[in-house]
Protein backbone atom coordinates (compact mmCIF):
# COMPACT_ATOMS: atom_id res chain seq x y z
CA MET A 1 29.69 -180.28 -60.11
CA ARG A 2 27.89 -183.26 -60.83
CA ASP A 3 23.95 -183.18 -60.63
CA GLU A 4 22.72 -185.62 -57.18
CA THR A 5 19.57 -185.25 -58.34
CA ALA A 6 18.15 -189.34 -59.35
CA HIS A 7 16.74 -189.86 -63.00
CA PRO A 8 13.07 -191.12 -62.72
CA TYR A 9 13.53 -194.14 -64.80
CA MET A 10 17.15 -195.54 -63.49
CA ALA A 11 17.15 -197.03 -60.21
CA ASN A 12 20.90 -197.05 -59.80
CA SER A 13 20.86 -192.85 -60.30
CA VAL A 14 19.64 -192.44 -56.61
CA PRO A 15 23.01 -191.01 -54.95
CA ALA A 16 22.28 -193.25 -52.05
CA ILE A 17 22.41 -196.33 -54.00
CA GLN A 18 25.97 -195.18 -56.34
CA ARG A 19 27.58 -194.54 -52.39
CA GLU A 20 27.01 -197.87 -51.85
CA MET A 21 28.06 -199.36 -55.13
CA LEU A 22 31.27 -197.04 -55.25
CA ASP A 23 31.78 -197.73 -51.82
CA SER A 24 31.55 -201.85 -52.85
CA ILE A 25 34.54 -201.56 -55.03
CA GLY A 26 36.43 -199.06 -53.27
CA VAL A 27 36.04 -196.11 -55.54
CA LYS A 28 35.62 -192.54 -54.36
CA THR A 29 33.59 -190.72 -57.29
CA ILE A 30 31.98 -192.01 -60.55
CA GLU A 31 34.41 -190.04 -62.29
CA ASP A 32 37.42 -192.43 -60.86
CA LEU A 33 35.76 -194.83 -63.02
CA PHE A 34 37.09 -193.12 -66.32
CA VAL A 35 40.55 -192.02 -65.35
CA GLN A 36 42.02 -194.18 -68.61
CA ILE A 37 40.54 -191.52 -70.71
CA PRO A 38 42.55 -188.80 -71.58
CA LYS A 39 41.34 -185.55 -70.36
CA ASP A 40 40.99 -184.36 -73.77
CA HIS A 41 38.76 -186.50 -74.77
CA ARG A 42 36.18 -185.80 -72.47
CA ILE A 43 33.22 -182.94 -72.48
CA SER A 44 34.17 -180.75 -69.56
CA ARG A 45 30.93 -178.60 -70.47
CA PRO A 46 27.41 -179.49 -69.52
CA LEU A 47 25.58 -180.51 -72.13
CA ASP A 48 22.98 -178.74 -73.71
CA LEU A 49 19.95 -180.97 -73.51
CA PRO A 50 16.47 -180.29 -73.52
CA PRO A 51 14.05 -179.75 -70.29
CA ALA A 52 13.06 -183.84 -68.43
CA MET A 53 9.72 -184.17 -69.39
CA SER A 54 7.34 -185.93 -67.53
CA GLU A 55 6.09 -189.59 -68.36
CA ARG A 56 2.88 -188.32 -70.15
CA GLU A 57 4.83 -185.57 -71.81
CA LEU A 58 7.52 -188.04 -73.29
CA ARG A 59 5.00 -190.37 -74.29
CA ARG A 60 3.11 -187.44 -76.29
CA HIS A 61 6.43 -186.42 -77.96
CA LEU A 62 7.72 -189.98 -79.24
CA ILE A 63 4.48 -190.00 -80.28
CA GLU A 64 4.46 -187.05 -82.43
CA THR A 65 7.73 -187.46 -83.68
CA LEU A 66 6.76 -191.30 -84.83
CA SER A 67 4.02 -190.04 -86.50
CA ARG A 68 5.69 -188.06 -89.10
CA ASN A 69 7.13 -191.78 -90.43
CA SER A 70 5.65 -192.96 -93.99
CA THR A 71 5.03 -196.55 -93.48
CA THR A 72 4.16 -199.95 -95.50
CA GLU A 73 0.96 -199.65 -93.68
CA ASP A 74 0.32 -196.27 -94.84
CA ASN A 75 2.01 -196.86 -98.24
CA LEU A 76 2.29 -199.63 -100.89
CA SER A 77 5.65 -200.40 -101.21
CA PHE A 78 7.73 -202.60 -103.93
CA LEU A 79 11.30 -201.57 -101.88
CA GLY A 80 13.39 -204.92 -101.03
CA ALA A 81 17.23 -205.02 -102.14
CA GLY A 82 17.99 -206.93 -98.90
CA ILE A 83 14.59 -206.33 -96.52
CA TRP A 84 11.78 -207.39 -97.41
CA GLN A 85 7.62 -207.07 -96.80
CA HIS A 86 6.36 -210.57 -96.40
CA HIS A 87 3.39 -211.74 -94.60
CA VAL A 88 3.79 -212.60 -91.14
CA PRO A 89 0.98 -214.82 -89.74
CA ALA A 90 -0.72 -213.35 -86.58
CA ALA A 91 0.21 -216.67 -84.84
CA VAL A 92 3.95 -215.68 -85.00
CA ASP A 93 3.68 -212.47 -83.08
CA GLU A 94 1.47 -214.40 -80.56
CA ILE A 95 4.44 -216.76 -80.18
CA VAL A 96 7.33 -214.26 -79.84
CA ARG A 97 5.59 -211.72 -77.63
CA ARG A 98 5.12 -214.33 -74.50
CA ASN A 99 6.70 -213.68 -71.47
CA GLU A 100 8.92 -217.21 -71.82
CA TRP A 101 10.85 -215.84 -74.93
CA LEU A 102 11.02 -211.68 -74.11
CA THR A 103 13.98 -211.71 -71.90
CA SER A 104 17.60 -209.81 -72.30
CA ILE A 105 19.48 -212.79 -70.99
CA TYR A 106 18.96 -216.41 -70.88
CA GLY A 107 19.89 -218.89 -68.56
CA GLU A 108 21.17 -222.68 -68.34
CA PRO A 109 19.75 -225.38 -70.44
CA SER A 110 18.21 -227.00 -67.22
CA SER A 111 16.54 -223.58 -66.27
CA ASP A 112 15.26 -222.72 -69.88
CA HIS A 113 14.03 -226.22 -70.90
CA GLY A 114 11.68 -224.51 -73.51
CA LEU A 115 13.93 -222.11 -75.01
CA TYR A 116 16.81 -224.73 -75.93
CA GLN A 117 13.90 -226.99 -77.25
CA ALA A 118 12.73 -223.68 -79.66
CA TRP A 119 16.25 -223.12 -80.46
CA PHE A 120 16.84 -226.93 -81.56
CA GLU A 121 13.88 -226.85 -83.37
CA PHE A 122 14.55 -223.70 -85.28
CA CYS A 123 17.90 -225.67 -86.31
CA SER A 124 16.64 -228.57 -87.22
CA GLN A 125 13.79 -226.90 -89.38
CA LEU A 126 15.94 -224.66 -91.11
CA GLY A 127 18.48 -227.66 -91.85
CA GLU A 128 15.88 -229.59 -93.47
CA LEU A 129 14.75 -226.26 -95.61
CA LEU A 130 18.37 -226.19 -96.69
CA ASN A 131 19.04 -230.24 -96.78
CA LEU A 132 22.02 -229.96 -94.12
CA ASP A 133 22.54 -231.31 -91.14
CA LEU A 134 24.82 -228.47 -89.26
CA VAL A 135 23.01 -225.33 -88.67
CA GLY A 136 24.48 -222.54 -85.97
CA MET A 137 22.02 -220.25 -83.78
CA PRO A 138 21.41 -217.14 -85.61
CA VAL A 139 23.93 -213.98 -86.29
CA ARG A 140 23.21 -210.40 -86.77
CA SER A 141 22.26 -210.72 -90.34
CA TRP A 142 22.92 -212.32 -93.62
CA GLY A 143 26.42 -209.89 -94.21
CA THR A 144 27.12 -210.97 -90.61
CA ALA A 145 26.86 -214.51 -91.54
CA ALA A 146 29.12 -214.33 -94.89
CA GLY A 147 31.55 -212.81 -93.28
CA HIS A 148 31.67 -214.98 -90.50
CA ALA A 149 32.01 -218.19 -93.35
CA LEU A 150 34.60 -216.87 -95.27
CA ARG A 151 36.35 -216.46 -92.01
CA MET A 152 35.72 -220.04 -91.78
CA ALA A 153 36.65 -220.96 -95.08
CA ALA A 154 39.88 -219.13 -94.12
CA ARG A 155 40.99 -221.17 -91.27
CA LEU A 156 40.04 -224.44 -92.79
CA THR A 157 42.38 -223.77 -96.21
CA GLY A 158 44.81 -221.88 -94.78
CA ARG A 159 44.29 -219.22 -97.56
CA THR A 160 44.07 -215.51 -97.67
CA GLU A 161 42.24 -214.31 -100.31
CA VAL A 162 38.12 -215.06 -101.44
CA ALA A 163 36.09 -214.39 -105.01
CA VAL A 164 32.81 -212.36 -104.13
CA VAL A 165 30.69 -211.97 -106.83
CA ARG A 166 29.82 -208.04 -107.66
CA ALA A 167 26.38 -208.57 -107.94
CA ILE A 168 25.85 -208.19 -104.19
CA ASP A 169 24.13 -206.14 -101.68
CA PRO A 170 26.69 -203.16 -101.16
CA GLU A 171 25.88 -203.04 -97.53
CA ARG A 172 26.17 -207.01 -97.30
CA LEU A 173 29.59 -206.30 -99.50
CA SER A 174 30.87 -203.35 -96.78
CA ILE A 175 29.88 -205.80 -94.02
CA ILE A 176 31.99 -208.71 -95.36
CA ARG A 177 34.97 -206.24 -96.04
CA ASN A 178 34.61 -205.75 -92.02
CA TYR A 179 35.32 -209.51 -91.27
CA CYS A 180 38.28 -209.80 -93.70
CA GLU A 181 39.61 -206.98 -92.11
CA PRO A 182 42.06 -204.09 -93.29
CA PRO A 183 45.46 -205.33 -95.00
CA GLU A 184 47.53 -203.47 -92.41
CA MET A 185 45.80 -206.78 -89.92
CA SER A 186 47.51 -210.25 -89.58
CA ASN A 187 44.35 -212.12 -90.41
CA HIS A 188 43.26 -209.73 -93.74
CA ILE A 189 42.00 -211.75 -96.03
CA ALA A 190 42.11 -210.14 -99.65
CA ILE A 191 38.91 -209.75 -101.90
CA ARG A 192 38.77 -210.52 -105.32
CA LEU A 193 35.56 -209.08 -106.92
CA VAL A 194 34.06 -211.04 -109.56
CA ASP A 195 32.24 -209.31 -112.27
CA TYR A 196 28.95 -210.55 -113.62
CA ASP A 197 27.31 -209.91 -117.44
CA PRO A 198 25.08 -206.84 -117.24
CA ALA A 199 23.14 -208.38 -120.47
CA THR A 200 22.28 -211.40 -118.39
CA GLY A 201 22.77 -210.63 -114.90
CA LEU A 202 24.57 -213.60 -114.83
CA ILE A 203 28.65 -214.13 -113.55
CA ASN A 204 31.39 -213.29 -115.86
CA PHE A 205 33.05 -217.16 -116.38
CA GLU A 206 35.79 -215.68 -117.89
CA ASP A 207 36.18 -213.25 -115.03
CA LEU A 208 35.70 -215.97 -112.48
CA ARG A 209 38.50 -218.24 -113.49
CA ALA A 210 40.99 -215.36 -113.51
CA ALA A 211 40.23 -214.70 -109.89
CA VAL A 212 40.37 -217.68 -108.58
CA GLY A 213 43.62 -219.43 -107.92
CA GLU A 214 45.64 -221.39 -105.42
CA GLN A 215 45.51 -219.06 -102.85
CA THR A 216 41.34 -218.32 -102.77
CA ALA A 217 39.77 -219.49 -99.79
CA ALA A 218 36.59 -219.70 -100.78
CA VAL A 219 33.69 -218.89 -104.03
CA TYR A 220 30.91 -216.56 -102.28
CA PHE A 221 27.91 -215.86 -104.81
CA GLU A 222 24.13 -216.23 -104.31
CA VAL A 223 20.95 -217.30 -105.58
CA PRO A 224 18.86 -215.63 -106.20
CA SER A 225 21.29 -212.55 -106.08
CA TYR A 226 21.27 -209.13 -105.02
CA LEU A 227 19.59 -208.20 -108.50
CA GLY A 228 17.27 -211.44 -108.40
CA MET A 229 19.01 -213.41 -111.15
CA ILE A 230 18.93 -217.33 -110.29
CA ASP A 231 22.10 -218.54 -111.92
CA HIS A 232 21.50 -221.57 -113.41
CA GLN A 233 25.43 -222.23 -113.63
CA ALA A 234 25.56 -222.30 -110.02
CA ALA A 235 27.04 -226.07 -110.23
CA GLU A 236 29.92 -224.76 -112.39
CA ILE A 237 30.74 -221.94 -110.29
CA ALA A 238 31.05 -224.83 -107.71
CA ALA A 239 32.70 -226.97 -109.78
CA ILE A 240 35.35 -223.84 -110.44
CA ALA A 241 35.63 -223.52 -106.99
CA ARG A 242 36.79 -227.38 -106.12
CA ALA A 243 38.97 -227.86 -108.78
CA ALA A 244 41.38 -224.84 -107.29
CA GLY A 245 40.75 -226.44 -103.70
CA ALA A 246 38.68 -223.83 -102.36
CA GLU A 247 35.56 -223.92 -100.76
CA THR A 248 31.77 -222.88 -102.42
CA ILE A 249 30.10 -220.63 -100.33
CA VAL A 250 26.26 -219.80 -101.06
CA GLY A 251 24.00 -216.97 -100.17
CA VAL A 252 20.34 -217.58 -100.67
CA ASP A 253 16.95 -216.26 -99.42
CA PRO A 254 15.16 -219.28 -97.99
CA ILE A 255 11.24 -218.33 -98.70
CA SER A 256 12.83 -219.20 -102.28
CA LEU A 257 13.79 -222.89 -101.20
CA GLY A 258 9.97 -224.09 -101.57
CA VAL A 259 10.74 -223.62 -105.43
CA LEU A 260 14.41 -223.42 -105.75
CA SER A 261 16.89 -226.59 -104.96
CA ALA A 262 18.55 -226.36 -102.30
CA PRO A 263 22.51 -224.87 -102.09
CA SER A 264 23.78 -228.23 -101.42
CA ALA A 265 22.51 -229.86 -104.18
CA TYR A 266 24.44 -227.77 -106.59
CA GLY A 267 27.73 -227.85 -104.19
CA ALA A 268 27.37 -225.74 -101.81
CA ASP A 269 29.94 -226.34 -98.91
CA ILE A 270 28.94 -223.41 -96.54
CA VAL A 271 25.29 -222.16 -96.85
CA VAL A 272 24.48 -218.40 -95.44
CA GLY A 273 21.60 -216.20 -95.70
CA THR A 274 18.87 -214.18 -93.95
CA ILE A 275 15.97 -215.60 -91.80
CA GLN A 276 13.83 -212.02 -92.18
CA PRO A 277 11.35 -213.89 -94.53
CA LEU A 278 10.62 -216.30 -92.15
CA GLY A 279 8.32 -214.33 -89.68
CA VAL A 280 10.27 -211.21 -89.27
CA HIS A 281 8.49 -208.15 -89.40
CA LEU A 282 10.49 -205.04 -91.35
CA HIS A 283 12.70 -203.42 -88.79
CA ALA A 284 14.97 -200.41 -89.45
CA GLY A 285 18.68 -200.28 -87.64
CA GLY A 286 18.57 -203.82 -85.60
CA GLY A 287 19.76 -206.94 -86.58
CA VAL A 288 16.95 -209.11 -88.20
CA GLY A 289 18.83 -212.31 -88.50
CA GLY A 290 21.59 -214.58 -90.32
CA PHE A 291 22.17 -218.21 -90.33
CA ILE A 292 25.13 -220.43 -91.64
CA ALA A 293 24.90 -224.09 -92.19
CA THR A 294 27.08 -227.20 -93.51
CA ARG A 295 27.55 -230.46 -93.62
CA ASP A 296 27.61 -232.50 -90.31
CA GLU A 297 31.52 -233.02 -90.54
CA PRO A 298 34.21 -232.29 -87.57
CA ARG A 299 36.25 -230.23 -90.07
CA TYR A 300 32.87 -227.44 -90.76
CA ALA A 301 31.91 -228.08 -87.06
CA ALA A 302 35.24 -227.17 -85.22
CA GLU A 303 35.14 -223.75 -87.13
CA TYR A 304 31.82 -222.41 -86.14
CA PRO A 305 31.95 -219.37 -84.33
CA THR A 306 27.87 -219.49 -83.50
CA LEU A 307 26.41 -221.09 -80.28
CA CYS A 308 25.13 -224.39 -81.70
CA ILE A 309 22.50 -226.50 -80.11
CA SER A 310 22.29 -230.31 -80.03
CA ILE A 311 19.76 -232.69 -78.18
CA ALA A 312 20.82 -236.14 -76.37
CA GLU A 313 18.96 -238.78 -74.15
CA THR A 314 18.91 -238.31 -70.91
CA ILE A 315 19.03 -241.07 -67.74
CA LYS A 316 15.29 -241.40 -67.81
CA PRO A 317 14.04 -243.52 -71.23
CA GLY A 318 12.49 -241.94 -73.55
CA GLU A 319 13.19 -238.31 -72.19
CA PHE A 320 15.40 -236.11 -74.13
CA GLY A 321 17.45 -232.71 -72.96
CA PHE A 322 19.03 -229.61 -75.12
CA GLY A 323 22.06 -227.95 -74.72
CA ARG A 324 25.30 -225.92 -76.07
CA ALA A 325 27.94 -227.61 -78.22
CA MET A 326 31.39 -226.75 -78.98
CA LEU A 327 30.96 -224.09 -76.75
CA HIS A 328 34.44 -224.58 -75.79
CA GLN A 329 35.38 -222.84 -79.36
CA SER A 330 33.02 -219.85 -79.03
CA SER A 331 33.98 -215.99 -77.68
CA TYR A 332 31.84 -217.07 -74.67
CA ASP A 333 34.57 -219.78 -73.65
CA LEU A 334 37.76 -218.65 -75.41
CA ARG A 335 37.02 -214.97 -75.41
CA GLU A 336 39.28 -213.02 -77.69
CA LYS A 337 40.55 -216.39 -78.66
CA GLY A 338 37.42 -217.92 -80.08
CA LYS A 339 36.22 -218.62 -83.15
CA ASP A 340 35.57 -215.28 -83.88
CA TRP A 341 33.28 -212.86 -81.71
CA ILE A 342 29.23 -214.44 -81.80
CA GLY A 343 28.43 -210.58 -80.60
CA HIS A 344 24.98 -209.49 -81.00
CA SER A 345 21.75 -211.61 -80.24
CA VAL A 346 19.42 -212.01 -82.32
CA TYR A 347 17.60 -215.07 -80.77
CA LEU A 348 14.34 -214.48 -80.53
CA TRP A 349 13.86 -214.00 -84.47
CA SER A 350 14.64 -218.01 -84.13
CA VAL A 351 11.54 -218.30 -82.37
CA ALA A 352 9.73 -216.65 -84.72
CA ALA A 353 11.41 -218.19 -87.65
CA THR A 354 10.50 -221.91 -85.79
CA ALA A 355 7.02 -220.76 -85.51
CA TYR A 356 6.96 -219.92 -89.20
CA MET A 357 8.42 -222.79 -90.32
CA ALA A 358 6.48 -225.12 -88.36
CA MET A 359 2.84 -223.57 -89.59
CA MET A 360 4.10 -223.33 -93.00
CA GLY A 361 5.44 -227.43 -93.92
CA PRO A 362 6.61 -228.50 -96.87
CA GLN A 363 3.97 -227.59 -99.07
CA GLY A 364 3.37 -224.30 -97.97
CA PHE A 365 6.96 -222.82 -98.50
CA ALA A 366 6.08 -224.88 -102.35
CA GLU A 367 2.64 -222.91 -102.73
CA ILE A 368 4.55 -219.57 -101.41
CA GLY A 369 7.32 -219.74 -104.05
CA GLU A 370 5.36 -220.20 -106.62
CA ILE A 371 2.63 -217.23 -105.49
CA ILE A 372 5.66 -215.23 -105.65
CA LEU A 373 7.09 -216.05 -108.93
CA GLN A 374 3.97 -215.85 -110.65
CA ARG A 375 3.30 -212.41 -109.21
CA ALA A 376 6.35 -211.16 -109.69
CA HIS A 377 6.38 -212.12 -113.28
CA HIS A 378 3.26 -210.57 -113.74
CA ALA A 379 4.51 -207.07 -112.49
CA ALA A 380 7.88 -207.39 -114.43
CA HIS A 381 5.46 -208.20 -117.81
CA ARG A 382 3.52 -205.30 -116.93
CA LEU A 383 5.62 -202.84 -116.24
CA GLY A 384 7.69 -203.83 -119.29
CA GLU A 385 4.54 -203.08 -121.46
CA LEU A 386 4.86 -199.19 -120.47
CA GLU A 387 6.42 -196.82 -122.73
CA GLY A 388 9.71 -195.66 -121.90
CA VAL A 389 9.90 -198.73 -119.46
CA ARG A 390 12.48 -202.00 -119.79
CA ILE A 391 13.15 -204.84 -117.81
CA ASN A 392 16.63 -205.54 -117.66
CA PHE A 393 16.59 -209.53 -117.15
CA PRO A 394 13.17 -210.27 -118.22
CA SER A 395 13.17 -213.98 -117.22
CA GLY A 396 14.92 -216.26 -114.76
CA PHE A 397 14.52 -214.06 -111.16
CA PHE A 398 12.92 -214.75 -108.08
CA LYS A 399 11.01 -211.87 -106.00
CA GLU A 400 12.85 -208.91 -107.59
CA PHE A 401 13.47 -207.68 -111.02
CA VAL A 402 15.50 -204.79 -112.22
CA VAL A 403 13.29 -201.73 -113.70
CA ASN A 404 15.10 -199.44 -116.33
CA PHE A 405 13.83 -196.20 -117.29
CA ASP A 406 16.67 -194.78 -119.79
CA ASP A 407 14.01 -194.40 -122.39
CA ALA A 408 12.03 -192.26 -120.26
CA GLY A 409 14.45 -189.85 -119.87
CA LYS A 410 13.82 -189.39 -116.18
CA SER A 411 16.23 -190.35 -112.98
CA VAL A 412 14.97 -192.94 -110.60
CA SER A 413 15.14 -190.85 -107.92
CA LYS A 414 12.65 -188.28 -109.81
CA ILE A 415 10.25 -191.14 -110.73
CA ASN A 416 10.57 -192.03 -106.43
CA ASP A 417 9.80 -188.86 -105.38
CA ALA A 418 6.97 -189.35 -107.62
CA LEU A 419 5.76 -192.03 -106.96
CA ARG A 420 5.75 -191.41 -103.04
CA ALA A 421 3.14 -188.50 -103.86
CA GLU A 422 1.08 -191.42 -105.26
CA GLY A 423 1.39 -193.19 -101.93
CA ILE A 424 3.73 -195.74 -103.54
CA PHE A 425 7.65 -196.78 -102.47
CA GLY A 426 9.09 -197.37 -105.82
CA GLY A 427 12.12 -199.69 -106.27
CA HIS A 428 15.20 -199.20 -104.92
CA ASP A 429 17.74 -196.89 -106.96
CA LEU A 430 20.40 -198.85 -108.46
CA SER A 431 22.13 -195.97 -110.35
CA PHE A 432 24.49 -195.17 -107.69
CA ASP A 433 26.10 -198.54 -107.21
CA PHE A 434 25.63 -200.08 -110.50
CA PRO A 435 25.70 -197.31 -113.24
CA GLU A 436 26.14 -199.88 -115.68
CA LEU A 437 22.62 -200.50 -115.36
CA GLY A 438 21.61 -196.98 -116.28
CA GLN A 439 18.83 -195.40 -114.50
CA SER A 440 17.43 -198.50 -112.97
CA ALA A 441 15.50 -199.75 -109.85
CA LEU A 442 15.56 -202.80 -108.03
CA TYR A 443 12.06 -203.52 -107.24
CA CYS A 444 10.46 -206.33 -105.11
CA VAL A 445 7.19 -208.46 -105.43
CA THR A 446 6.03 -210.83 -102.69
CA GLU A 447 2.91 -212.54 -101.79
CA VAL A 448 1.71 -209.37 -100.03
CA HIS A 449 1.14 -208.04 -103.75
CA THR A 450 -2.15 -208.31 -105.25
CA HIS A 451 -3.16 -207.82 -108.94
CA SER A 452 -4.67 -204.72 -107.69
CA ASP A 453 -1.75 -203.63 -106.30
CA ILE A 454 0.57 -204.16 -109.32
CA GLU A 455 -1.70 -202.67 -111.57
CA ARG A 456 -2.24 -199.63 -109.30
CA LEU A 457 1.65 -199.39 -109.39
CA ALA A 458 1.84 -199.61 -113.48
CA GLY A 459 -1.00 -196.75 -113.28
CA ALA A 460 1.38 -194.77 -111.09
CA LEU A 461 4.07 -195.43 -113.33
CA GLN A 462 2.77 -193.97 -116.62
CA LYS A 463 0.94 -190.97 -114.97
CA VAL A 464 4.60 -190.35 -113.56
CA ILE A 465 6.31 -191.11 -116.44
CA SER A 466 4.34 -189.33 -119.23
CA LEU A 467 4.46 -185.64 -116.89
């Protein structure tokens, strides 16, 4: 028997309103809407849910639950590995919290002119940072962007294999595998993993040459890599891909581009990455934004799955308008026949990134890049002085570096447990996904870490190792 009591937070749960809605579509009961679901797939027993709480009780319950979390506000964190702690200016938070942006859906350019202008500024500023002309609206994550880019390359070349460097975030690789589809699917793209040299952290060229052939649609690698390494052989990698007729796709952390060359300078055809370092706070369980960028050429533009925003003159001299470009090829227009499915929207983060990039400017990106380089290398040098600690790749890295604890005789897991007792989040444990690196952890140092923070970490590690 259905409970006819209205839910306090759901206006449409009022019985009279539900009856009106059912009558309007010609259905007698709500259950009739689910007749296509087999009976053995539906729960017939009542759910054993806790008693309904009042708003005051629910608020208290949630606050008590959330208070059990350990946060980076209360602890010193050196975690990275795909999402990083960067400073977010207060002005960025103020802008994204304005009512003009806080909406679950958007309208037409004519009604949301300011929103479309902000999106255009996002694409323009990111394009300038990347030295590329065509940037789509952001997708859910870096992994999503990489998956889309590989499928773009497959359509461009008509080929069905891609080469991906193995020194990659396992979560990102998992997303890429999803986008390349299982072998049973008609659009399956085979992934060939290219090994890296455990002694240097750089790509193994012998393995790369063996993996790239006439069926290779694209070669995908990252600068900096997941392990933090800046691969100075990037132009050679792109040349190998080009010689085979494959596209070169490069993943990049945009915060590094104030001190590192843009991927387009060493042969990238498609560039992807994350916008999380550009004014987006740490978030767990939600998209933090990824981007796709290319040269402004028709062959690339025709394969974009994302929304693209363009600018045009109006009938009034000196006036400009903003609108969607190439909507006809997206899933908004063609649905399942579009150039892949756009899916999850993270457009609010594009507003945050727009504000962040505008505040930073070219000089700001150069300064923050230099600060991160200096502090990360100082931290690596300082930790390398500790007995039982070794830096796997002591030079040529940005923001993240690999710390090995084999000589300490302790696992990364035990070291991190002990560090948490000191109010410190240690590096990300690499021992499971990269066993060839031994008991190693990926440590992250950004502009938020001070000299005293690094000394505190060194002191805590020395204490933990000597126990």
